[in-house]
Amino acid sequence: MILAGDIGGTKTVLSLLHTAQDGSLDCMQEQSFASQDFATFDAILEAFLPPRSHISSACFGVAGPVVNQRCQTTNLPWLLDAAELQQKLATPKIKLLNDLEAMALGMLHLPEADLLELNPNAQTQTGNIAVIAAGTGLGEAMLYWDGNSHHPIATEGGHSDFAPQTLQQDMLLSYLRNIYPEHVSYERIISGMGFSHLYDFLYEHDFATACLAVPELEDPNGGSDRNAIISRLGINGEDLICTEVVRLFVEIYGAEAGNLALKSLAIGGVFIGGGIAAKILPAMQQGQFMQAFKAKGRFLPMLDKISVKLALNPRTPLIGAIHYFASTGAEA
């Protein structure tokens, strides 16, 4: 049996599959867990795996940097070690991937029906691909094209320096420096927490009066409720500040997607994953994302032709983990 997992700060999804005689994969069991409810990843494995399970291979996409097949998760107190998992699962075929690395692989297995093209001028080209995904955090990855196939490359690009492009964004950077004096990254804006940061910034700068439906402070026990309220009101145009929050979020998201496309020379396209883009889909389609994506001076003509597809399938990282060993031909 094949064990695959998508391990995130909010939820962990595990899938157990059987390889049929024709080579196809049959899902025997799949379950989602609230990550914060478990002290360790091992505890989730014990809750999920049936007794006397015989695992032939296991691959996990993990929200955090994977170094020497060990990962200290970014938003959880978990340490995953492939060598320890080999012992626990009794198989040498264990692979830890960064979650965006797994998502990048999964993108290659999505049907066209799960992908929405955002660039009306896109041309089909072969080459490197960039992957960017805003959710609990901001993930970025690349798919390197060697002339025959694509190979995933993990990055921690979401933690790179925020670079403002407008006078309004200049003021935003100054505002965020008061909160994060050592470093203001793109993840502080293009992620769930970003909606609250943008809302508070606009309110402090007298963009409009406060929205009574938005809690003044994030409830520490309420998860991302405040962020969800802001994004919902903004996407529906129900409040002036919230609407501007969504517009500014999309503008900065598009600019950073364009940065990643340049850094990876992603003429093969850009994939957008994560949970946020699908939830604010009307704003992503209005054109401001692509306008900011292409606004790179002399490189506008190149970016104007790049395909930018938004993935609608939330299982994409899990799909990548499921297909890792078959896709790459790797052993472990």
Protein backbone atom coordinates (compact mmCIF):
# COMPACT_ATOMS: atom_id res chain seq x y z
CA MET A 1 0.00 0.00 0.00
CA ILE A 2 1.01 3.59 -0.67
CA LEU A 3 0.72 6.20 2.08
CA ALA A 4 0.62 9.88 1.11
CA GLY A 5 0.10 13.00 3.16
CA ASP A 6 -0.36 16.76 2.94
CA ILE A 7 0.84 18.16 6.27
CA GLY A 8 -0.12 21.77 6.94
CA GLY A 9 -0.34 24.15 9.86
CA THR A 10 -4.14 24.05 9.79
CA LYS A 11 -4.93 20.53 8.63
CA THR A 12 -3.24 17.26 7.74
CA VAL A 13 -4.72 15.00 5.07
CA LEU A 14 -3.61 11.37 4.76
CA SER A 15 -4.47 8.93 2.01
CA LEU A 16 -3.91 5.18 1.80
CA LEU A 17 -3.91 3.67 -1.68
CA HIS A 18 -3.61 0.28 -3.33
CA THR A 19 -1.99 -0.30 -6.72
CA ALA A 20 -4.32 -2.26 -8.99
CA GLN A 21 -3.10 -4.85 -11.51
CA ASP A 22 -3.45 -2.34 -14.36
CA GLY A 23 -1.22 0.13 -12.50
CA SER A 24 -4.00 2.47 -11.45
CA LEU A 25 -4.32 3.63 -7.85
CA ASP A 26 -7.39 2.85 -5.76
CA CYS A 27 -7.97 4.98 -2.67
CA MET A 28 -8.74 2.73 0.27
CA GLN A 29 -8.97 5.39 2.94
CA GLU A 30 -8.57 9.18 3.15
CA GLN A 31 -9.02 11.40 6.18
CA SER A 32 -8.45 15.01 7.26
CA PHE A 33 -7.20 15.96 10.74
CA ALA A 34 -6.98 19.29 12.55
CA SER A 35 -3.21 19.56 12.92
CA GLN A 36 -3.32 21.67 16.08
CA ASP A 37 -5.24 18.91 17.89
CA PHE A 38 -2.23 16.57 17.80
CA ALA A 39 1.05 16.93 19.68
CA THR A 40 3.01 14.95 17.08
CA PHE A 41 2.64 13.66 13.53
CA ASP A 42 3.06 10.13 14.89
CA ALA A 43 -0.19 10.59 16.81
CA ILE A 44 -2.03 11.28 13.55
CA LEU A 45 -0.45 8.23 11.91
CA GLU A 46 -1.61 6.05 14.78
CA ALA A 47 -5.14 7.43 14.50
CA PHE A 48 -5.25 6.92 10.73
CA LEU A 49 -3.49 3.66 9.87
CA PRO A 50 -5.45 0.42 10.15
CA PRO A 51 -3.86 -2.30 12.31
CA ARG A 52 -1.17 -4.41 10.60
CA SER A 53 -0.92 -2.08 7.60
CA HIS A 54 1.86 -3.01 5.18
CA ILE A 55 3.22 0.20 3.66
CA SER A 56 5.38 -0.17 0.54
CA SER A 57 6.17 3.54 0.18
CA ALA A 58 5.21 6.83 1.80
CA CYS A 59 5.58 10.43 0.72
CA PHE A 60 4.56 13.50 2.68
CA GLY A 61 4.34 17.14 1.62
CA VAL A 62 5.20 19.20 4.71
CA ALA A 63 4.68 22.91 5.38
CA GLY A 64 8.26 23.77 6.24
CA PRO A 65 11.84 23.52 4.96
CA VAL A 66 13.05 19.95 4.41
CA VAL A 67 16.80 19.64 5.02
CA ASN A 68 18.54 16.25 4.90
CA GLN A 69 15.09 14.62 4.99
CA ARG A 70 14.20 16.26 8.29
CA CYS A 71 11.62 19.02 8.75
CA GLN A 72 10.74 21.25 11.66
CA THR A 73 7.27 22.41 10.63
CA THR A 74 6.91 26.18 10.36
CA ASN A 75 3.54 26.60 12.09
CA LEU A 76 3.50 23.44 14.23
CA PRO A 77 5.78 22.06 16.98
CA TRP A 78 6.42 18.91 14.96
CA LEU A 79 9.73 17.44 13.86
CA LEU A 80 9.50 14.92 11.02
CA ASP A 81 12.46 12.66 10.29
CA ALA A 82 12.45 10.30 7.30
CA ALA A 83 14.83 7.87 9.01
CA GLU A 84 12.48 7.56 12.00
CA LEU A 85 9.50 7.14 9.69
CA GLN A 86 11.33 4.34 7.87
CA GLN A 87 11.50 2.47 11.17
CA LYS A 88 7.93 3.25 12.16
CA LEU A 89 6.40 2.30 8.80
CA ALA A 90 8.85 -0.55 8.10
CA THR A 91 9.77 0.58 4.59
CA PRO A 92 12.92 2.20 3.16
CA LYS A 93 10.85 4.17 0.62
CA ILE A 94 10.06 7.32 2.60
CA LYS A 95 10.23 10.83 1.17
CA LEU A 96 9.63 14.19 2.80
CA LEU A 97 8.85 17.03 0.41
CA ASN A 98 8.25 20.68 1.09
CA ASP A 99 4.48 21.19 0.72
CA LEU A 100 4.96 23.43 -2.33
CA GLU A 101 7.30 20.87 -3.86
CA ALA A 102 4.47 18.34 -3.51
CA MET A 103 1.96 20.84 -4.86
CA ALA A 104 4.19 21.50 -7.88
CA LEU A 105 4.26 17.79 -8.69
CA GLY A 106 0.52 17.57 -8.20
CA MET A 107 -0.08 20.37 -10.70
CA LEU A 108 1.38 18.14 -13.42
CA HIS A 109 -1.33 15.56 -12.75
CA LEU A 110 -4.36 17.87 -12.72
CA PRO A 111 -6.88 17.67 -15.57
CA GLU A 112 -7.50 20.89 -17.49
CA ALA A 113 -10.95 21.09 -15.88
CA ASP A 114 -9.22 21.81 -12.55
CA LEU A 115 -7.21 24.72 -13.96
CA LEU A 116 -8.44 28.22 -14.76
CA GLU A 117 -6.38 30.38 -17.15
CA LEU A 118 -5.99 34.00 -15.96
CA ASN A 119 -3.90 35.32 -18.86
CA PRO A 120 -5.97 35.90 -22.01
CA ASN A 121 -2.75 36.33 -24.01
CA ALA A 122 -1.16 33.07 -22.86
CA GLN A 123 0.77 30.99 -25.37
CA THR A 124 1.65 27.33 -24.89
CA GLN A 125 5.40 27.08 -24.26
CA THR A 126 7.69 24.43 -22.84
CA GLY A 127 10.11 25.26 -20.05
CA ASN A 128 10.42 25.89 -16.34
CA ILE A 129 7.22 26.35 -14.34
CA ALA A 130 6.67 28.47 -11.22
CA VAL A 131 4.21 27.59 -8.45
CA ILE A 132 2.91 30.07 -5.87
CA ALA A 133 0.28 29.45 -3.22
CA ALA A 134 -1.19 31.72 -0.55
CA GLY A 135 -2.89 30.02 2.36
CA THR A 136 -1.89 29.87 6.03
CA GLY A 137 1.46 31.08 4.72
CA LEU A 138 2.93 31.87 1.31
CA GLY A 139 4.57 28.98 -0.50
CA GLU A 140 6.69 29.11 -3.63
CA ALA A 141 8.32 26.37 -5.72
CA MET A 142 9.67 25.70 -9.20
CA LEU A 143 9.47 22.89 -11.72
CA TYR A 144 12.76 22.71 -13.59
CA TRP A 145 12.53 21.49 -17.20
CA ASP A 146 15.53 19.37 -18.22
CA GLY A 147 14.41 18.95 -21.84
CA ASN A 148 12.44 15.78 -21.15
CA SER A 149 10.59 16.17 -17.87
CA HIS A 150 9.95 18.52 -14.98
CA HIS A 151 11.68 18.25 -11.59
CA PRO A 152 10.32 20.01 -8.46
CA ILE A 153 12.54 22.45 -6.59
CA ALA A 154 11.53 23.65 -3.13
CA THR A 155 12.08 27.25 -2.06
CA GLU A 156 11.28 29.48 0.90
CA GLY A 157 10.68 32.43 -1.42
CA GLY A 158 7.54 33.47 0.44
CA HIS A 159 9.81 34.78 3.18
CA SER A 160 11.73 37.09 0.85
CA ASP A 161 11.62 40.88 1.30
CA PHE A 162 8.41 42.69 0.40
CA ALA A 163 9.14 45.20 -2.39
CA PRO A 164 6.49 47.95 -2.71
CA GLN A 165 5.54 49.09 -6.21
CA THR A 166 3.24 52.08 -5.51
CA LEU A 167 3.07 55.00 -3.09
CA GLN A 168 0.32 53.18 -1.20
CA GLN A 169 2.53 50.11 -0.90
CA ASP A 170 5.41 52.33 0.29
CA MET A 171 3.19 53.40 3.19
CA LEU A 172 2.20 49.79 3.79
CA LEU A 173 5.86 48.76 4.12
CA SER A 174 6.47 51.58 6.61
CA TYR A 175 3.43 50.47 8.60
CA LEU A 176 4.52 46.83 8.68
CA ARG A 177 8.05 47.76 9.75
CA ASN A 178 6.58 48.98 13.02
CA ILE A 179 5.11 45.51 13.56
CA TYR A 180 8.03 43.50 12.17
CA PRO A 181 11.11 45.73 12.60
CA GLU A 182 13.59 43.02 11.64
CA HIS A 183 12.04 41.81 8.40
CA VAL A 184 8.85 42.38 6.38
CA SER A 185 8.27 39.42 4.08
CA TYR A 186 5.69 38.83 1.37
CA GLU A 187 4.11 36.19 3.62
CA ARG A 188 3.04 38.92 6.06
CA ILE A 189 0.75 40.22 3.30
CA ILE A 190 -0.01 37.38 0.88
CA SER A 191 -1.44 34.86 3.33
CA GLY A 192 -4.38 34.55 5.69
CA MET A 193 -2.87 37.01 8.17
CA GLY A 194 -2.41 39.50 5.35
CA PHE A 195 -6.09 40.44 5.27
CA SER A 196 -5.93 41.71 8.85
CA HIS A 197 -2.65 43.54 8.24
CA LEU A 198 -4.06 45.27 5.17
CA TYR A 199 -7.32 46.15 6.92
CA ASP A 200 -5.55 47.66 9.95
CA PHE A 201 -3.17 49.57 7.67
CA LEU A 202 -6.00 51.11 5.65
CA TYR A 203 -7.99 51.99 8.77
CA GLU A 204 -4.99 53.62 10.44
CA HIS A 205 -4.42 55.69 7.31
CA ASP A 206 -8.06 56.87 7.27
CA PHE A 207 -9.05 55.11 4.08
CA ALA A 208 -12.58 54.76 5.45
CA THR A 209 -14.45 54.24 8.69
CA ALA A 210 -14.16 50.91 10.48
CA CYS A 211 -16.48 48.09 9.51
CA LEU A 212 -18.65 47.07 12.46
CA ALA A 213 -18.73 43.47 11.24
CA VAL A 214 -14.94 43.14 11.56
CA PRO A 215 -13.66 42.31 15.07
CA GLU A 216 -11.20 44.89 16.37
CA LEU A 217 -8.61 42.26 17.29
CA GLU A 218 -8.02 38.68 16.18
CA ASP A 219 -9.47 36.22 18.68
CA PRO A 220 -6.52 33.95 19.63
CA ASN A 221 -8.96 31.05 19.90
CA GLY A 222 -10.87 31.91 16.75
CA GLY A 223 -8.33 30.92 14.10
CA SER A 224 -8.54 33.09 10.98
CA ASP A 225 -12.16 34.23 11.52
CA ARG A 226 -11.24 37.92 11.29
CA ASN A 227 -9.34 37.35 8.07
CA ALA A 228 -12.22 35.32 6.65
CA ILE A 229 -14.73 38.06 7.53
CA ILE A 230 -12.60 40.74 5.89
CA SER A 231 -12.08 38.73 2.68
CA ARG A 232 -15.77 37.77 2.46
CA LEU A 233 -16.98 41.35 2.90
CA GLY A 234 -14.37 42.55 0.43
CA ILE A 235 -15.10 40.05 -2.31
CA ASN A 236 -18.83 40.81 -2.03
CA GLY A 237 -18.25 44.58 -2.03
CA GLU A 238 -20.10 44.97 1.27
CA ASP A 239 -17.59 47.31 2.92
CA LEU A 240 -15.28 50.00 1.55
CA ILE A 241 -12.15 49.09 3.52
CA CYS A 242 -12.60 45.34 3.02
CA THR A 243 -13.09 45.82 -0.72
CA GLU A 244 -9.83 47.78 -0.90
CA VAL A 245 -8.11 45.07 1.19
CA VAL A 246 -8.97 42.44 -1.42
CA ARG A 247 -7.91 44.71 -4.29
CA LEU A 248 -4.56 45.47 -2.65
CA PHE A 249 -4.04 41.81 -1.74
CA VAL A 250 -4.57 40.75 -5.36
CA GLU A 251 -2.29 43.50 -6.65
CA ILE A 252 0.61 42.45 -4.42
CA TYR A 253 -0.06 38.75 -5.08
CA GLY A 254 0.21 39.36 -8.81
CA ALA A 255 3.43 41.34 -8.44
CA GLU A 256 5.12 38.59 -6.43
CA ALA A 257 3.90 35.91 -8.86
CA GLY A 258 5.59 37.94 -11.60
CA ASN A 259 8.78 38.15 -9.53
CA LEU A 260 8.83 34.37 -9.17
CA ALA A 261 8.22 33.92 -12.89
CA LEU A 262 11.27 36.07 -13.64
CA LYS A 263 13.48 34.37 -11.06
CA SER A 264 12.68 30.91 -12.43
CA LEU A 265 12.35 32.00 -16.08
CA ALA A 266 9.00 30.25 -16.04
CA ILE A 267 8.13 30.35 -19.72
CA GLY A 268 6.37 27.02 -19.19
CA GLY A 269 3.79 28.79 -17.05
CA VAL A 270 2.81 29.75 -13.55
CA PHE A 271 0.46 27.72 -11.36
CA ILE A 272 -1.44 29.36 -8.50
CA GLY A 273 -2.45 27.08 -5.65
CA GLY A 274 -3.45 27.47 -2.03
CA GLY A 275 -6.85 28.02 -0.52
CA ILE A 276 -7.13 31.79 -0.79
CA ALA A 277 -7.09 32.30 -4.57
CA ALA A 278 -10.15 30.10 -5.12
CA LYS A 279 -12.05 31.90 -2.34
CA ILE A 280 -11.45 35.32 -3.92
CA LEU A 281 -11.78 34.06 -7.48
CA PRO A 282 -13.81 37.04 -8.85
CA ALA A 283 -11.06 39.44 -7.75
CA MET A 284 -8.35 37.20 -9.22
CA GLN A 285 -10.16 37.32 -12.58
CA GLN A 286 -10.76 41.08 -12.72
CA GLY A 287 -7.41 41.81 -14.33
CA GLN A 288 -5.49 43.52 -11.53
CA PHE A 289 -3.58 40.34 -10.72
CA MET A 290 -2.35 39.99 -14.29
CA GLN A 291 -1.66 43.71 -14.60
CA ALA A 292 0.65 43.59 -11.59
CA PHE A 293 2.12 40.27 -12.78
CA LYS A 294 3.20 41.81 -16.10
CA ALA A 295 4.37 45.19 -14.77
CA LYS A 296 8.08 44.37 -15.03
CA GLY A 297 9.28 47.06 -17.42
CA ARG A 298 11.29 45.64 -20.31
CA PHE A 299 10.11 42.11 -19.51
CA LEU A 300 6.41 42.85 -19.97
CA PRO A 301 6.39 41.31 -23.50
CA MET A 302 7.77 38.02 -22.15
CA LEU A 303 5.40 37.89 -19.18
CA ASP A 304 2.47 38.82 -21.39
CA LYS A 305 2.75 35.42 -23.11
CA ILE A 306 3.17 33.26 -20.00
CA SER A 307 0.28 31.01 -19.02
CA VAL A 308 -1.00 31.72 -15.50
CA LYS A 309 -3.37 29.03 -14.29
CA LEU A 310 -5.26 28.94 -11.01
CA ALA A 311 -5.74 25.44 -9.59
CA LEU A 312 -9.22 24.73 -8.23
CA ASN A 313 -8.41 21.31 -6.74
CA PRO A 314 -7.55 21.54 -2.99
CA ARG A 315 -6.01 18.05 -3.09
CA THR A 316 -3.14 19.12 -5.36
CA PRO A 317 -0.32 18.70 -2.77
CA LEU A 318 -1.72 15.31 -1.79
CA ILE A 319 -1.87 14.29 -5.46
CA GLY A 320 1.79 15.23 -5.80
CA ALA A 321 2.75 13.12 -2.79
CA ILE A 322 0.72 10.20 -4.13
CA HIS A 323 2.56 10.26 -7.45
CA TYR A 324 6.07 11.12 -6.21
CA PHE A 325 7.79 7.75 -6.57
CA ALA A 326 6.09 6.90 -9.87
CA SER A 327 6.67 10.39 -11.33
CA THR A 328 10.32 10.75 -10.44
CA GLY A 329 11.48 7.15 -10.51
CA ALA A 330 13.16 7.89 -7.18
CA GLU A 331 13.95 5.24 -4.66
CA ALA A 332 13.97 7.26 -1.44
